[in-house]
Amino acid sequence: MYFITIGETVTRIFVGSITAIRQTGTPSGINKEEVREPVYCSVKGFTGDMQADLSVHGGPDKAVHYYPNAHYRELQQFFPEISNRLQPGSLGENLSHHLFNETNVHIGDVWKIGQAYLQITQPRHPCWKIDAKFETKGLTAFIVEQLLTGWYFKVVEPGLICPDDEWVPVSISQCRYNVRQVQEICRQHRPKVEDLDHICTTEGIAKRWSQTLTERLKWIEAHPHV
């Protein structure tokens, strides 16, 4: 397991209440505002943050959504017409940082950020609400295709997190694939059985996602020629 040496730190925190998406009127928690003071992070996420559809957002295994700062540069390049709106926090994330992305973290990694301990549980699976918010067809598809998704954290130990808090690695995952590699494997038509089994049994993986991958693994084993 390889961790980037931590020098300059730029941890940013975003929270938001439920509001309606202008284009559709659908309730959503995608609209966040940056917080510049310490915020308590419980097992349910940051104080003051809300999710509208709890069937796919929130819960213990998806309490905090992280999105890499650097991804916005790529999104701005491919969607210049909305580049001024594609800013950290605009995709509904709660945390962002300029050092960490899907290539240098693993499912199961535990980090101490401020007083809280957070564990990576799964990549984010973006939905249609991103297109609706930005009124831009294809934005969600681009994020998915390019694997610019970010990930979710479980809060292992609650505590205060401050903007610019340092990330300290606490527990190193035994997963042999980083988050991006996990995404690449899972979107294959027929991933290797041993790879899928390794991923879905990784310590710390979100329970619901592990169950989904386990069902897929069973199907592949039952249909070897499909």
Protein backbone atom coordinates (compact mmCIF):
# COMPACT_ATOMS: atom_id res chain seq x y z
CA MET A 1 0.00 0.00 0.00
CA TYR A 2 1.40 3.42 -0.98
CA PHE A 3 0.40 6.71 0.58
CA ILE A 4 1.36 10.11 -0.79
CA THR A 5 3.60 12.08 1.54
CA ILE A 6 1.45 14.74 3.11
CA GLY A 7 2.78 18.26 2.80
CA GLU A 8 0.41 21.09 1.97
CA THR A 9 -3.13 20.17 2.99
CA VAL A 10 -6.33 21.56 1.61
CA THR A 11 -9.31 19.80 3.15
CA ARG A 12 -12.59 21.44 2.20
CA ILE A 13 -15.96 20.69 3.81
CA PHE A 14 -19.41 21.08 2.20
CA VAL A 15 -22.87 20.58 3.68
CA GLY A 16 -26.37 21.27 2.44
CA SER A 17 -30.07 20.84 3.11
CA ILE A 18 -32.64 19.35 0.77
CA THR A 19 -33.65 21.65 -2.08
CA ALA A 20 -35.50 21.20 -5.36
CA ILE A 21 -33.58 20.78 -8.61
CA ARG A 22 -34.65 23.74 -10.74
CA GLN A 23 -35.17 21.78 -13.96
CA THR A 24 -37.32 18.99 -12.51
CA GLY A 25 -38.46 20.11 -9.06
CA THR A 26 -37.04 16.88 -7.63
CA PRO A 27 -35.91 17.12 -3.98
CA SER A 28 -32.16 16.60 -3.68
CA GLY A 29 -29.23 17.14 -1.34
CA ILE A 30 -26.82 17.84 -4.20
CA ASN A 31 -26.58 21.57 -3.47
CA LYS A 32 -23.88 22.15 -0.87
CA GLU A 33 -22.25 25.21 0.68
CA GLU A 34 -18.66 25.35 1.86
CA VAL A 35 -18.18 25.45 5.63
CA ARG A 36 -15.18 27.35 6.96
CA GLU A 37 -15.38 26.39 10.62
CA PRO A 38 -15.09 23.06 12.48
CA VAL A 39 -17.99 20.67 11.80
CA TYR A 40 -18.93 17.60 13.82
CA CYS A 41 -18.97 14.40 11.81
CA SER A 42 -21.16 11.66 13.31
CA VAL A 43 -21.81 8.14 12.01
CA LYS A 44 -24.56 9.74 9.89
CA GLY A 45 -22.27 12.36 8.37
CA PHE A 46 -21.67 16.06 8.90
CA THR A 47 -23.96 18.12 11.10
CA GLY A 48 -26.26 20.15 8.87
CA ASP A 49 -25.96 17.86 5.85
CA MET A 50 -29.00 16.08 4.43
CA GLN A 51 -29.86 13.57 1.67
CA ALA A 52 -33.24 13.36 -0.04
CA ASP A 53 -33.30 9.76 -1.32
CA LEU A 54 -32.02 7.61 1.51
CA SER A 55 -32.43 4.45 -0.57
CA VAL A 56 -29.32 5.37 -2.56
CA HIS A 57 -27.64 8.11 -0.50
CA GLY A 58 -26.56 8.36 3.11
CA GLY A 59 -26.61 5.64 5.72
CA PRO A 60 -23.66 4.36 7.76
CA ASP A 61 -21.67 3.05 4.76
CA LYS A 62 -22.18 6.24 2.72
CA ALA A 63 -22.14 8.86 5.44
CA VAL A 64 -19.59 11.15 3.77
CA HIS A 65 -19.03 11.69 0.06
CA TYR A 66 -15.52 12.64 -1.08
CA TYR A 67 -14.65 14.14 -4.47
CA PRO A 68 -11.13 15.02 -5.68
CA ASN A 69 -10.50 18.71 -6.39
CA ALA A 70 -8.46 17.92 -9.50
CA HIS A 71 -11.38 16.25 -11.28
CA TYR A 72 -13.04 19.61 -11.75
CA ARG A 73 -10.29 20.75 -14.11
CA GLU A 74 -11.03 17.84 -16.41
CA LEU A 75 -14.77 18.43 -16.23
CA GLN A 76 -14.28 22.12 -17.02
CA GLN A 77 -12.18 21.22 -20.04
CA PHE A 78 -14.84 18.97 -21.56
CA PHE A 79 -17.82 21.09 -20.52
CA PRO A 80 -16.56 24.68 -21.02
CA GLU A 81 -20.10 26.05 -21.28
CA ILE A 82 -20.65 25.35 -17.57
CA SER A 83 -17.04 25.62 -16.38
CA ASN A 84 -17.86 28.50 -14.03
CA ARG A 85 -20.39 26.29 -12.25
CA LEU A 86 -18.15 23.24 -12.01
CA GLN A 87 -16.45 24.13 -8.75
CA PRO A 88 -15.60 22.07 -5.63
CA GLY A 89 -18.81 21.20 -3.80
CA SER A 90 -21.04 21.46 -6.86
CA LEU A 91 -21.36 17.69 -7.37
CA GLY A 92 -22.75 17.17 -3.90
CA GLU A 93 -19.58 16.08 -2.12
CA ASN A 94 -18.93 16.68 1.59
CA LEU A 95 -15.13 16.54 1.49
CA SER A 96 -12.50 17.39 -1.08
CA HIS A 97 -8.71 17.52 -1.19
CA HIS A 98 -6.09 18.21 -3.83
CA LEU A 99 -3.86 15.18 -3.10
CA PHE A 100 -6.15 12.17 -3.02
CA ASN A 101 -7.94 10.52 -5.92
CA GLU A 102 -9.13 7.05 -6.96
CA THR A 103 -5.61 5.95 -7.96
CA ASN A 104 -3.95 6.36 -4.57
CA VAL A 105 -6.55 5.06 -2.11
CA HIS A 106 -8.17 1.68 -1.50
CA ILE A 107 -11.48 0.38 -0.22
CA GLY A 108 -10.96 -0.29 3.47
CA ASP A 109 -8.34 2.42 4.08
CA VAL A 110 -8.91 4.27 7.34
CA TRP A 111 -7.89 7.92 7.71
CA LYS A 112 -7.84 10.23 10.70
CA ILE A 113 -9.10 13.65 9.60
CA GLY A 114 -9.20 16.07 12.49
CA GLN A 115 -10.74 14.13 15.38
CA ALA A 116 -12.72 11.71 13.20
CA TYR A 117 -11.74 8.35 11.74
CA LEU A 118 -13.15 7.62 8.28
CA GLN A 119 -13.03 4.41 6.22
CA ILE A 120 -13.43 4.20 2.44
CA THR A 121 -16.33 1.88 1.58
CA GLN A 122 -17.11 2.16 -2.15
CA PRO A 123 -16.93 4.38 -5.24
CA ARG A 124 -19.78 6.77 -5.87
CA HIS A 125 -22.31 5.77 -8.54
CA PRO A 126 -23.43 9.11 -10.04
CA CYS A 127 -27.06 9.53 -11.07
CA TRP A 128 -29.16 11.62 -13.46
CA LYS A 129 -29.52 14.46 -10.96
CA ILE A 130 -26.11 15.79 -11.97
CA ASP A 131 -27.30 16.32 -15.55
CA ALA A 132 -30.50 17.85 -14.23
CA LYS A 133 -28.75 20.26 -11.88
CA PHE A 134 -26.36 21.54 -14.54
CA GLU A 135 -28.91 21.24 -17.36
CA THR A 136 -26.21 19.50 -19.37
CA LYS A 137 -26.89 16.17 -21.05
CA GLY A 138 -23.98 13.75 -20.89
CA LEU A 139 -22.21 15.12 -17.83
CA THR A 140 -23.13 12.15 -15.65
CA ALA A 141 -22.18 9.71 -18.42
CA PHE A 142 -18.79 11.41 -18.83
CA ILE A 143 -18.11 11.19 -15.10
CA VAL A 144 -18.95 7.48 -15.15
CA GLU A 145 -17.03 6.68 -18.34
CA GLN A 146 -13.90 8.50 -17.18
CA LEU A 147 -14.21 7.08 -13.63
CA LEU A 148 -14.19 10.56 -12.10
CA THR A 149 -16.59 9.51 -9.37
CA GLY A 150 -15.02 9.98 -5.98
CA TRP A 151 -16.04 7.65 -3.16
CA TYR A 152 -17.91 7.22 0.11
CA PHE A 153 -16.65 7.06 3.68
CA LYS A 154 -18.02 5.30 6.73
CA VAL A 155 -17.42 7.21 9.97
CA VAL A 156 -15.63 4.72 12.20
CA GLU A 157 -15.17 7.20 15.03
CA PRO A 158 -17.04 10.53 15.13
CA GLY A 159 -15.35 13.84 15.83
CA LEU A 160 -14.79 17.41 14.73
CA ILE A 161 -13.23 18.05 11.31
CA CYS A 162 -11.79 21.43 10.43
CA PRO A 163 -11.08 22.91 7.02
CA ASP A 164 -7.43 22.22 6.13
CA ASP A 165 -7.14 19.34 8.61
CA GLU A 166 -4.34 16.94 7.79
CA TRP A 167 -5.15 13.41 6.57
CA VAL A 168 -3.28 10.80 8.60
CA PRO A 169 -3.32 7.16 7.40
CA VAL A 170 -4.36 4.89 10.27
CA SER A 171 -5.16 1.47 8.83
CA ILE A 172 -3.89 0.12 5.52
CA SER A 173 -6.33 -1.88 3.41
CA GLN A 174 -5.47 -5.40 2.28
CA CYS A 175 -7.26 -4.80 -1.03
CA ARG A 176 -4.73 -5.30 -3.83
CA TYR A 177 -6.54 -2.87 -6.14
CA ASN A 178 -6.95 0.88 -5.78
CA VAL A 179 -10.42 2.38 -6.14
CA ARG A 180 -9.99 3.13 -9.84
CA GLN A 181 -8.82 -0.43 -10.55
CA VAL A 182 -11.81 -1.75 -8.62
CA GLN A 183 -14.09 0.33 -10.85
CA GLU A 184 -12.35 -0.93 -13.98
CA ILE A 185 -12.75 -4.54 -12.87
CA CYS A 186 -16.40 -4.15 -11.89
CA ARG A 187 -17.40 -2.65 -15.23
CA GLN A 188 -15.91 -5.51 -17.24
CA HIS A 189 -18.44 -7.75 -18.94
CA ARG A 190 -17.05 -10.83 -17.19
CA PRO A 191 -14.53 -9.91 -14.52
CA LYS A 192 -12.33 -12.69 -13.19
CA VAL A 193 -14.07 -14.63 -10.44
CA GLU A 194 -11.06 -14.34 -8.15
CA ASP A 195 -10.92 -10.56 -8.62
CA LEU A 196 -14.61 -10.09 -7.92
CA ASP A 197 -14.42 -12.36 -4.88
CA HIS A 198 -11.43 -10.44 -3.56
CA ILE A 199 -13.25 -7.11 -3.92
CA CYS A 200 -16.57 -8.12 -2.42
CA THR A 201 -14.87 -9.66 0.62
CA THR A 202 -12.53 -6.72 1.28
CA GLU A 203 -12.77 -5.59 4.89
CA GLY A 204 -14.63 -2.29 5.12
CA ILE A 205 -16.54 -2.53 1.84
CA ALA A 206 -20.11 -1.20 1.95
CA LYS A 207 -22.42 -4.07 2.89
CA ARG A 208 -25.04 -3.38 0.24
CA TRP A 209 -22.48 -3.07 -2.55
CA SER A 210 -20.74 -6.25 -1.35
CA GLN A 211 -24.07 -8.08 -1.57
CA THR A 212 -24.61 -6.81 -5.12
CA LEU A 213 -21.13 -7.95 -6.19
CA THR A 214 -21.64 -11.31 -4.48
CA GLU A 215 -24.86 -11.87 -6.44
CA ARG A 216 -23.05 -11.00 -9.65
CA LEU A 217 -20.23 -13.39 -8.74
CA LYS A 218 -22.73 -16.22 -8.19
CA TRP A 219 -24.36 -15.49 -11.56
CA ILE A 220 -21.02 -15.57 -13.39
CA GLU A 221 -20.12 -18.87 -11.76
CA ALA A 222 -23.53 -20.32 -12.68
CA HIS A 223 -23.30 -19.14 -16.31
CA PRO A 224 -19.70 -19.84 -17.42
CA HIS A 225 -20.41 -19.47 -21.14
CA VAL A 226 -22.60 -16.38 -21.23
